[in-house]
C-alpha atoms as a PDB file:
ATOM      1  CA  MET A   1      26.868 -32.166  76.060  1.00  0.00           C
ATOM      2  CA  LYS A   2      23.741 -32.168  74.015  1.00  0.00           C
ATOM      3  CA  LYS A   3      23.048 -28.716  75.465  1.00  0.00           C
ATOM      4  CA  THR A   4      26.448 -27.477  74.735  1.00  0.00           C
ATOM      5  CA  LEU A   5      26.323 -28.798  70.907  1.00  0.00           C
ATOM      6  CA  PHE A   6      22.749 -27.262  70.596  1.00  0.00           C
ATOM      7  CA  ALA A   7      23.858 -24.032  71.810  1.00  0.00           C
ATOM      8  CA  VAL A   8      26.786 -23.802  69.274  1.00  0.00           C
ATOM      9  CA  PHE A   9      24.580 -24.990  66.534  1.00  0.00           C
ATOM     10  CA  ALA A  10      21.848 -21.949  67.457  1.00  0.00           C
ATOM     11  CA  LEU A  11      24.821 -19.498  67.357  1.00  0.00           C
ATOM     12  CA  SER A  12      25.889 -20.600  64.137  1.00  0.00           C
ATOM     13  CA  LEU A  13      22.357 -19.742  62.684  1.00  0.00           C
ATOM     14  CA  VAL A  14      22.476 -16.342  63.679  1.00  0.00           C
ATOM     15  CA  ALA A  15      23.234 -14.105  60.712  1.00  0.00           C
ATOM     16  CA  PHE A  16      25.409 -10.885  61.169  1.00  0.00           C
ATOM     17  CA  ASP A  17      25.237  -7.790  59.083  1.00  0.00           C
ATOM     18  CA  ALA A  18      28.423  -7.450  56.998  1.00  0.00           C
ATOM     19  CA  HIS A  19      30.045  -4.330  56.525  1.00  0.00           C
ATOM     20  CA  ALA A  20      30.869  -3.408  53.190  1.00  0.00           C
ATOM     21  CA  ILE A  21      33.609  -1.169  52.373  1.00  0.00           C
ATOM     22  CA  SER A  22      32.424   2.061  50.689  1.00  0.00           C
ATOM     23  CA  ARG A  23      33.813   3.170  47.365  1.00  0.00           C
ATOM     24  CA  HIS A  24      34.138   6.995  46.153  1.00  0.00           C
ATOM     25  CA  ASP A  25      34.957   8.931  43.215  1.00  0.00           C
ATOM     26  CA  ILE A  26      36.925  11.610  44.204  1.00  0.00           C
ATOM     27  CA  ALA A  27      37.779  13.442  41.351  1.00  0.00           C
ATOM     28  CA  GLY A  28      35.472  16.304  42.105  1.00  0.00           C
ATOM     29  CA  MET A  29      36.162  16.143  46.061  1.00  0.00           C
ATOM     30  CA  SER A  30      38.547  18.590  48.054  1.00  0.00           C
ATOM     31  CA  CYS A  31      41.261  16.999  49.802  1.00  0.00           C
ATOM     32  CA  SER A  32      39.849  17.868  53.300  1.00  0.00           C
ATOM     33  CA  HIS A  33      36.575  15.903  52.209  1.00  0.00           C
ATOM     34  CA  VAL A  34      38.248  12.955  51.005  1.00  0.00           C
ATOM     35  CA  GLN A  35      40.540  12.849  54.505  1.00  0.00           C
ATOM     36  CA  GLY A  36      37.239  13.057  56.206  1.00  0.00           C
ATOM     37  CA  ILE A  37      35.462  10.323  54.351  1.00  0.00           C
ATOM     38  CA  VAL A  38      38.565   8.152  55.373  1.00  0.00           C
ATOM     39  CA  ARG A  39      38.908   9.325  58.773  1.00  0.00           C
ATOM     40  CA  ALA A  40      34.938   8.847  59.508  1.00  0.00           C
ATOM     41  CA  GLU A  41      34.726   5.466  57.699  1.00  0.00           C
ATOM     42  CA  GLY A  42      37.842   4.022  58.848  1.00  0.00           C
ATOM     43  CA  ALA A  43      38.501   2.383  55.290  1.00  0.00           C
ATOM     44  CA  ALA A  44      37.351   3.332  52.176  1.00  0.00           C
ATOM     45  CA  ILE A  45      38.095   2.639  48.568  1.00  0.00           C
ATOM     46  CA  LEU A  46      38.845   5.713  46.639  1.00  0.00           C
ATOM     47  CA  ARG A  47      38.742   5.994  42.754  1.00  0.00           C
ATOM     48  CA  TYR A  48      40.886   8.720  41.128  1.00  0.00           C
ATOM     49  CA  PRO A  49      42.339   9.353  37.623  1.00  0.00           C
ATOM     50  CA  SER A  50      45.879   8.484  37.015  1.00  0.00           C
ATOM     51  CA  PRO A  51      48.142  11.270  37.090  1.00  0.00           C
ATOM     52  CA  ARG A  52      50.195  10.068  34.209  1.00  0.00           C
ATOM     53  CA  ASN A  53      46.983   9.176  31.843  1.00  0.00           C
ATOM     54  CA  PRO A  54      43.857  10.723  33.280  1.00  0.00           C
ATOM     55  CA  SER A  55      41.769   8.819  30.940  1.00  0.00           C
ATOM     56  CA  LEU A  56      42.484   5.754  32.973  1.00  0.00           C
ATOM     57  CA  THR A  57      40.803   5.274  36.628  1.00  0.00           C
ATOM     58  CA  LEU A  58      42.802   3.982  39.536  1.00  0.00           C
ATOM     59  CA  TYR A  59      41.507   2.880  42.674  1.00  0.00           C
ATOM     60  CA  ASP A  60      42.759   1.450  46.230  1.00  0.00           C
ATOM     61  CA  ARG A  61      41.913   1.006  49.684  1.00  0.00           C
ATOM     62  CA  PHE A  62      42.963   3.687  52.180  1.00  0.00           C
ATOM     63  CA  VAL A  63      42.759   3.448  55.889  1.00  0.00           C
ATOM     64  CA  ALA A  64      42.278   6.252  58.746  1.00  0.00           C
ATOM     65  CA  HIS A  65      45.269   4.557  60.602  1.00  0.00           C
ATOM     66  CA  GLY A  66      47.401   1.157  61.027  1.00  0.00           C
ATOM     67  CA  GLY A  67      44.576  -0.482  62.776  1.00  0.00           C
ATOM     68  CA  TYR A  68      42.724  -1.342  59.516  1.00  0.00           C
ATOM     69  CA  CYS A  69      45.709  -2.896  58.102  1.00  0.00           C
ATOM     70  CA  GLN A  70      46.570  -6.784  58.296  1.00  0.00           C
ATOM     71  CA  ILE A  71      48.943  -7.877  60.991  1.00  0.00           C
ATOM     72  CA  ASP A  72      51.861  -7.901  58.172  1.00  0.00           C
ATOM     73  CA  GLU A  73      51.239  -4.473  57.080  1.00  0.00           C
ATOM     74  CA  GLU A  74      51.649  -0.836  58.202  1.00  0.00           C
ATOM     75  CA  ALA A  75      50.141   2.317  57.272  1.00  0.00           C
ATOM     76  CA  VAL A  76      52.377   4.652  55.149  1.00  0.00           C
ATOM     77  CA  ALA A  77      51.573   8.055  53.293  1.00  0.00           C
ATOM     78  CA  PHE A  78      50.221   7.926  49.778  1.00  0.00           C
ATOM     79  CA  PHE A  79      49.255  11.092  47.633  1.00  0.00           C
ATOM     80  CA  VAL A  80      46.200  11.197  45.314  1.00  0.00           C
ATOM     81  CA  PRO A  81      44.886  14.126  43.194  1.00  0.00           C
ATOM     82  CA  THR A  82      41.661  15.589  44.375  1.00  0.00           C
ATOM     83  CA  ALA A  83      39.627  18.492  42.845  1.00  0.00           C
ATOM     84  CA  ASP A  84      41.567  21.155  44.766  1.00  0.00           C
ATOM     85  CA  THR A  85      45.238  19.537  45.019  1.00  0.00           C
ATOM     86  CA  ALA A  86      47.206  17.320  42.978  1.00  0.00           C
ATOM     87  CA  SER A  87      48.790  15.441  46.101  1.00  0.00           C
ATOM     88  CA  CYS A  88      46.276  14.906  48.915  1.00  0.00           C
ATOM     89  CA  ALA A  89      47.898  12.581  51.891  1.00  0.00           C
ATOM     90  CA  VAL A  90      46.009   9.708  52.928  1.00  0.00           C
ATOM     91  CA  LEU A  91      47.093   6.453  54.452  1.00  0.00           C
ATOM     92  CA  LYS A  92      47.512   3.182  52.581  1.00  0.00           C
ATOM     93  CA  CYS A  93      48.340  -0.187  53.860  1.00  0.00           C
ATOM     94  CA  GLN A  94      51.779  -1.714  52.408  1.00  0.00           C
ATOM     95  CA  PRO A  95      53.640  -4.873  53.650  1.00  0.00           C
ATOM     96  CA  ARG A  96      55.785  -4.206  56.184  1.00  0.00           C
ATOM     97  CA  ILE A  97      59.373  -4.669  55.467  1.00  0.00           C
ATOM     98  CA  PHE A  98      61.574  -6.680  57.858  1.00  0.00           C
ATOM     99  CA  GLN A  99      64.686  -5.554  58.658  1.00  0.00           C
ATOM    100  CA  PRO A 100      66.529  -8.047  61.345  1.00  0.00           C
ATOM    101  CA  PHE A 101      69.652  -5.946  61.706  1.00  0.00           C
ATOM    102  CA  GLY A 102      68.202  -2.512  61.475  1.00  0.00           C
ATOM    103  CA  ASP A 103      68.647   0.466  58.996  1.00  0.00           C
ATOM    104  CA  ASP A 104      72.189  -0.214  58.199  1.00  0.00           C
END
């Protein structure tokens, strides 16, 4: 029993590296570059100018696939402005909409 408690205590002292999510200002990037960043990192925070008011900066978390979303979320297409296009397709986690009786 003492050995088990000691082992649990020793393991609790081990520090693990935290993987912080990276942030990218995408205003000057191409669409393929932005998509490549998200694909390579799995998830990233992208900052971009608001389409309606370019003086405002918007940001959100974008993912490579649904595996980076919470269990009650799904990855849906979202479009951000980049240097070469006004609507670059990336994936964003959104709450899953529960429909118990189908799409009727």
